[in-house]
Amino acid sequence: MKSLKPVTHTLEIRIRSMRNDPVAQIEAGSTFQAFAVGDKFHHNMFDTRAWHDLPQEGEVFFIVDKAHAIADIGTYIHHMVILCLAAAAADHLA
């Protein structure tokens, strides 16, 4: 019987465009919750010194795009979730 490979999980965050360099990356031993375009994303628990286009007064980050990347590294499988955030008025979806 073929044995299953372990899976590593990474969450990568980009601002305004998927083409921009990541501003944060978190690795975990288990999968992250499901994210959806339009979800609010609170950045307060991150070190944001390297981030650009932070929300201004009355704004929050929203997820504006997301992608998954999966790679077979050989001894394990790597699953990356990439989120693209943009600041907008907190009630812009109301």
N, C-alpha and C. Protein backbone atom coordinates (compact mmCIF):
# COMPACT_ATOMS: atom_id res chain seq x y z
N MET A 1 0.84 -1.17 0.00
CA MET A 1 0.00 0.00 0.00
C MET A 1 0.89 1.25 0.00
N LYS A 2 0.52 2.20 -0.81
CA LYS A 2 1.28 3.44 -0.91
C LYS A 2 1.01 4.31 0.31
N SER A 3 2.07 4.85 0.91
CA SER A 3 1.88 5.70 2.09
C SER A 3 1.58 7.14 1.65
N LEU A 4 0.81 7.83 2.45
CA LEU A 4 0.46 9.21 2.16
C LEU A 4 1.58 10.14 2.61
N LYS A 5 1.82 11.17 1.84
CA LYS A 5 2.85 12.15 2.18
C LYS A 5 2.27 13.19 3.12
N PRO A 6 3.09 13.70 4.04
CA PRO A 6 2.61 14.79 4.89
C PRO A 6 2.41 16.06 4.06
N VAL A 7 1.56 16.93 4.55
CA VAL A 7 1.26 18.18 3.85
C VAL A 7 1.65 19.36 4.73
N THR A 8 2.38 20.31 4.16
CA THR A 8 2.66 21.57 4.85
C THR A 8 1.74 22.63 4.28
N HIS A 9 1.42 23.62 5.10
CA HIS A 9 0.47 24.65 4.70
C HIS A 9 1.08 26.03 4.92
N THR A 10 0.94 26.90 3.93
CA THR A 10 1.45 28.27 4.01
C THR A 10 0.35 29.23 3.59
N LEU A 11 0.24 30.32 4.34
CA LEU A 11 -0.64 31.42 3.99
C LEU A 11 0.25 32.59 3.61
N GLU A 12 0.05 33.10 2.41
CA GLU A 12 0.86 34.22 1.91
C GLU A 12 -0.07 35.39 1.64
N ILE A 13 0.36 36.60 2.04
CA ILE A 13 -0.47 37.79 1.88
C ILE A 13 0.22 38.79 0.98
N ARG A 14 -0.54 39.31 0.03
CA ARG A 14 -0.07 40.35 -0.89
C ARG A 14 -1.05 41.51 -0.83
N ILE A 15 -0.58 42.69 -1.19
CA ILE A 15 -1.42 43.89 -1.14
C ILE A 15 -1.68 44.39 -2.56
N ARG A 16 -2.93 44.64 -2.89
CA ARG A 16 -3.45 45.26 -4.12
C ARG A 16 -3.31 44.43 -5.38
N SER A 17 -2.30 43.57 -5.49
CA SER A 17 -2.12 42.80 -6.72
C SER A 17 -1.39 41.50 -6.42
N MET A 18 -1.79 40.44 -7.08
CA MET A 18 -1.08 39.17 -6.95
C MET A 18 0.34 39.27 -7.49
N ARG A 19 0.60 40.27 -8.29
CA ARG A 19 1.94 40.46 -8.85
C ARG A 19 2.91 41.10 -7.86
N ASN A 20 2.38 41.72 -6.81
CA ASN A 20 3.24 42.35 -5.81
C ASN A 20 3.91 41.29 -4.94
N ASP A 21 5.05 41.65 -4.38
CA ASP A 21 5.75 40.74 -3.48
C ASP A 21 4.91 40.49 -2.23
N PRO A 22 5.05 39.32 -1.63
CA PRO A 22 4.32 39.04 -0.39
C PRO A 22 4.78 39.97 0.74
N VAL A 23 3.82 40.36 1.59
CA VAL A 23 4.16 41.17 2.76
C VAL A 23 4.18 40.33 4.02
N ALA A 24 3.62 39.13 3.96
CA ALA A 24 3.62 38.23 5.12
C ALA A 24 3.46 36.80 4.64
N GLN A 25 3.99 35.89 5.45
CA GLN A 25 3.87 34.47 5.16
C GLN A 25 3.83 33.72 6.48
N ILE A 26 2.87 32.83 6.62
CA ILE A 26 2.71 32.04 7.84
C ILE A 26 2.68 30.57 7.44
N GLU A 27 3.42 29.74 8.16
CA GLU A 27 3.41 28.30 7.91
C GLU A 27 2.69 27.62 9.06
N ALA A 28 1.96 26.56 8.74
CA ALA A 28 1.20 25.83 9.75
C ALA A 28 1.23 24.34 9.47
N GLY A 29 0.97 23.57 10.50
CA GLY A 29 0.95 22.13 10.37
C GLY A 29 -0.40 21.59 9.92
N SER A 30 -1.42 22.45 9.93
CA SER A 30 -2.74 22.02 9.47
C SER A 30 -3.32 23.10 8.57
N THR A 31 -4.37 22.75 7.88
CA THR A 31 -4.95 23.65 6.90
C THR A 31 -5.54 24.90 7.54
N PHE A 32 -5.59 25.97 6.78
CA PHE A 32 -6.22 27.21 7.23
C PHE A 32 -7.71 27.14 6.93
N GLN A 33 -8.48 27.96 7.63
CA GLN A 33 -9.91 28.03 7.36
C GLN A 33 -10.13 28.47 5.92
N ALA A 34 -11.33 28.31 5.43
CA ALA A 34 -11.66 28.75 4.08
C ALA A 34 -11.74 30.27 4.05
N PHE A 35 -11.16 30.88 3.05
CA PHE A 35 -11.21 32.33 2.83
C PHE A 35 -12.03 32.58 1.57
N ALA A 36 -12.74 33.69 1.55
CA ALA A 36 -13.53 34.04 0.37
C ALA A 36 -13.26 35.47 -0.03
N VAL A 37 -13.29 35.71 -1.33
CA VAL A 37 -13.21 37.08 -1.82
C VAL A 37 -14.37 37.85 -1.20
N GLY A 38 -14.07 39.03 -0.65
CA GLY A 38 -15.08 39.84 0.02
C GLY A 38 -14.99 39.76 1.54
N ASP A 39 -14.29 38.74 2.07
CA ASP A 39 -14.12 38.65 3.53
C ASP A 39 -13.29 39.82 4.02
N LYS A 40 -13.63 40.33 5.21
CA LYS A 40 -12.76 41.30 5.88
C LYS A 40 -11.55 40.55 6.41
N PHE A 41 -10.40 41.22 6.42
CA PHE A 41 -9.18 40.61 6.92
C PHE A 41 -8.54 41.58 7.91
N HIS A 42 -8.48 41.19 9.17
CA HIS A 42 -7.90 42.05 10.19
C HIS A 42 -6.40 41.78 10.29
N HIS A 43 -5.63 42.81 10.07
CA HIS A 43 -4.17 42.69 9.99
C HIS A 43 -3.48 43.05 11.31
N ASN A 44 -4.24 43.35 12.35
CA ASN A 44 -3.70 43.88 13.59
C ASN A 44 -2.69 42.96 14.28
N MET A 45 -2.72 41.68 14.02
CA MET A 45 -1.82 40.75 14.70
C MET A 45 -0.54 40.50 13.92
N PHE A 46 -0.35 41.21 12.82
CA PHE A 46 0.85 41.07 11.99
C PHE A 46 1.80 42.23 12.24
N ASP A 47 3.06 42.00 12.03
CA ASP A 47 4.05 43.08 12.00
C ASP A 47 3.91 43.72 10.62
N THR A 48 3.35 44.90 10.56
CA THR A 48 3.01 45.53 9.28
C THR A 48 4.02 46.60 8.85
N ARG A 49 5.19 46.62 9.45
CA ARG A 49 6.17 47.65 9.08
C ARG A 49 6.55 47.60 7.61
N ALA A 50 6.55 46.43 7.00
CA ALA A 50 6.93 46.29 5.59
C ALA A 50 5.72 46.35 4.66
N TRP A 51 4.53 46.50 5.21
CA TRP A 51 3.32 46.52 4.40
C TRP A 51 3.15 47.91 3.78
N HIS A 52 2.50 47.96 2.64
CA HIS A 52 2.19 49.24 2.00
C HIS A 52 0.68 49.35 1.85
N ASP A 53 0.21 50.56 1.65
CA ASP A 53 -1.23 50.81 1.46
C ASP A 53 -2.07 50.28 2.61
N LEU A 54 -1.64 50.57 3.84
CA LEU A 54 -2.42 50.16 5.00
C LEU A 54 -3.75 50.91 5.04
N PRO A 55 -4.77 50.30 5.64
CA PRO A 55 -6.06 50.99 5.74
C PRO A 55 -5.93 52.30 6.52
N GLN A 56 -6.67 53.29 6.08
CA GLN A 56 -6.74 54.57 6.76
C GLN A 56 -7.92 54.54 7.73
N GLU A 57 -8.11 55.62 8.46
CA GLU A 57 -9.22 55.71 9.41
C GLU A 57 -10.55 55.36 8.71
N GLY A 58 -11.30 54.44 9.30
CA GLY A 58 -12.58 54.04 8.74
C GLY A 58 -12.50 52.96 7.67
N GLU A 59 -11.30 52.51 7.36
CA GLU A 59 -11.11 51.47 6.35
C GLU A 59 -10.65 50.16 7.01
N VAL A 60 -10.83 49.08 6.31
CA VAL A 60 -10.31 47.77 6.69
C VAL A 60 -9.80 47.09 5.43
N PHE A 61 -9.05 46.01 5.61
CA PHE A 61 -8.65 45.21 4.47
C PHE A 61 -9.77 44.25 4.10
N PHE A 62 -9.96 44.07 2.81
CA PHE A 62 -10.85 43.05 2.28
C PHE A 62 -10.03 42.14 1.38
N ILE A 63 -10.41 40.86 1.33
CA ILE A 63 -9.79 39.93 0.40
C ILE A 63 -10.38 40.22 -0.97
N VAL A 64 -9.52 40.57 -1.93
CA VAL A 64 -9.99 40.90 -3.27
C VAL A 64 -9.63 39.83 -4.30
N ASP A 65 -8.75 38.90 -3.92
CA ASP A 65 -8.39 37.80 -4.80
C ASP A 65 -7.77 36.71 -3.95
N LYS A 66 -7.84 35.49 -4.41
CA LYS A 66 -7.18 34.39 -3.71
C LYS A 66 -6.78 33.32 -4.71
N ALA A 67 -5.75 32.57 -4.34
CA ALA A 67 -5.27 31.50 -5.21
C ALA A 67 -4.69 30.39 -4.34
N HIS A 68 -4.61 29.20 -4.91
CA HIS A 68 -3.98 28.06 -4.24
C HIS A 68 -2.84 27.58 -5.12
N ALA A 69 -1.76 27.19 -4.50
CA ALA A 69 -0.65 26.57 -5.21
C ALA A 69 -0.33 25.27 -4.47
N ILE A 70 -0.23 24.19 -5.20
CA ILE A 70 0.06 22.89 -4.61
C ILE A 70 1.23 22.28 -5.35
N ALA A 71 2.23 21.82 -4.59
CA ALA A 71 3.42 21.24 -5.20
C ALA A 71 3.81 19.95 -4.49
N ASP A 72 4.20 18.97 -5.25
CA ASP A 72 4.75 17.73 -4.71
C ASP A 72 6.25 17.93 -4.61
N ILE A 73 6.75 18.10 -3.39
CA ILE A 73 8.16 18.42 -3.16
C ILE A 73 9.03 17.15 -3.12
N GLY A 74 8.42 16.03 -3.09
CA GLY A 74 9.16 14.76 -3.05
C GLY A 74 8.79 13.98 -1.80
N THR A 75 9.23 14.47 -0.64
CA THR A 75 8.91 13.78 0.61
C THR A 75 7.64 14.32 1.24
N TYR A 76 7.12 15.45 0.72
CA TYR A 76 5.89 16.03 1.25
C TYR A 76 5.17 16.83 0.17
N ILE A 77 3.94 17.19 0.45
CA ILE A 77 3.13 18.02 -0.43
C ILE A 77 3.05 19.41 0.22
N HIS A 78 3.22 20.44 -0.59
CA HIS A 78 3.13 21.81 -0.07
C HIS A 78 1.88 22.48 -0.64
N HIS A 79 1.04 23.01 0.26
CA HIS A 79 -0.18 23.71 -0.12
C HIS A 79 -0.06 25.16 0.33
N MET A 80 -0.10 26.09 -0.62
CA MET A 80 -0.03 27.51 -0.31
C MET A 80 -1.33 28.19 -0.69
N VAL A 81 -1.87 28.97 0.24
CA VAL A 81 -3.02 29.82 -0.02
C VAL A 81 -2.48 31.25 -0.12
N ILE A 82 -2.78 31.90 -1.22
CA ILE A 82 -2.31 33.27 -1.45
C ILE A 82 -3.52 34.19 -1.42
N LEU A 83 -3.47 35.18 -0.53
CA LEU A 83 -4.55 36.16 -0.42
C LEU A 83 -4.05 37.52 -0.88
N CYS A 84 -4.87 38.20 -1.64
CA CYS A 84 -4.57 39.57 -2.05
C CYS A 84 -5.57 40.47 -1.33
N LEU A 85 -5.05 41.47 -0.63
CA LEU A 85 -5.87 42.38 0.16
C LEU A 85 -5.87 43.77 -0.42
N ALA A 86 -6.93 44.50 -0.19
CA ALA A 86 -7.01 45.92 -0.54
C ALA A 86 -7.83 46.62 0.53
N ALA A 87 -7.43 47.83 0.85
CA ALA A 87 -8.16 48.62 1.86
C ALA A 87 -9.36 49.29 1.23
N ALA A 88 -10.46 49.31 1.97
CA ALA A 88 -11.67 50.00 1.53
C ALA A 88 -12.47 50.39 2.76
N ALA A 89 -13.44 51.25 2.58
CA ALA A 89 -14.30 51.64 3.69
C ALA A 89 -14.92 50.41 4.33
N ALA A 90 -14.97 50.39 5.64
CA ALA A 90 -15.43 49.21 6.37
C ALA A 90 -16.85 48.81 5.99
N ASP A 91 -17.66 49.74 5.57
CA ASP A 91 -19.05 49.44 5.24
C ASP A 91 -19.31 49.44 3.73
N HIS A 92 -18.26 49.28 2.92
CA HIS A 92 -18.45 49.38 1.47
C HIS A 92 -19.33 48.28 0.88
N LEU A 93 -19.51 47.18 1.60
CA LEU A 93 -20.35 46.10 1.10
C LEU A 93 -21.77 46.19 1.64
N ALA A 94 -22.01 47.13 2.53
CA ALA A 94 -23.34 47.25 3.16
C ALA A 94 -24.36 47.79 2.16
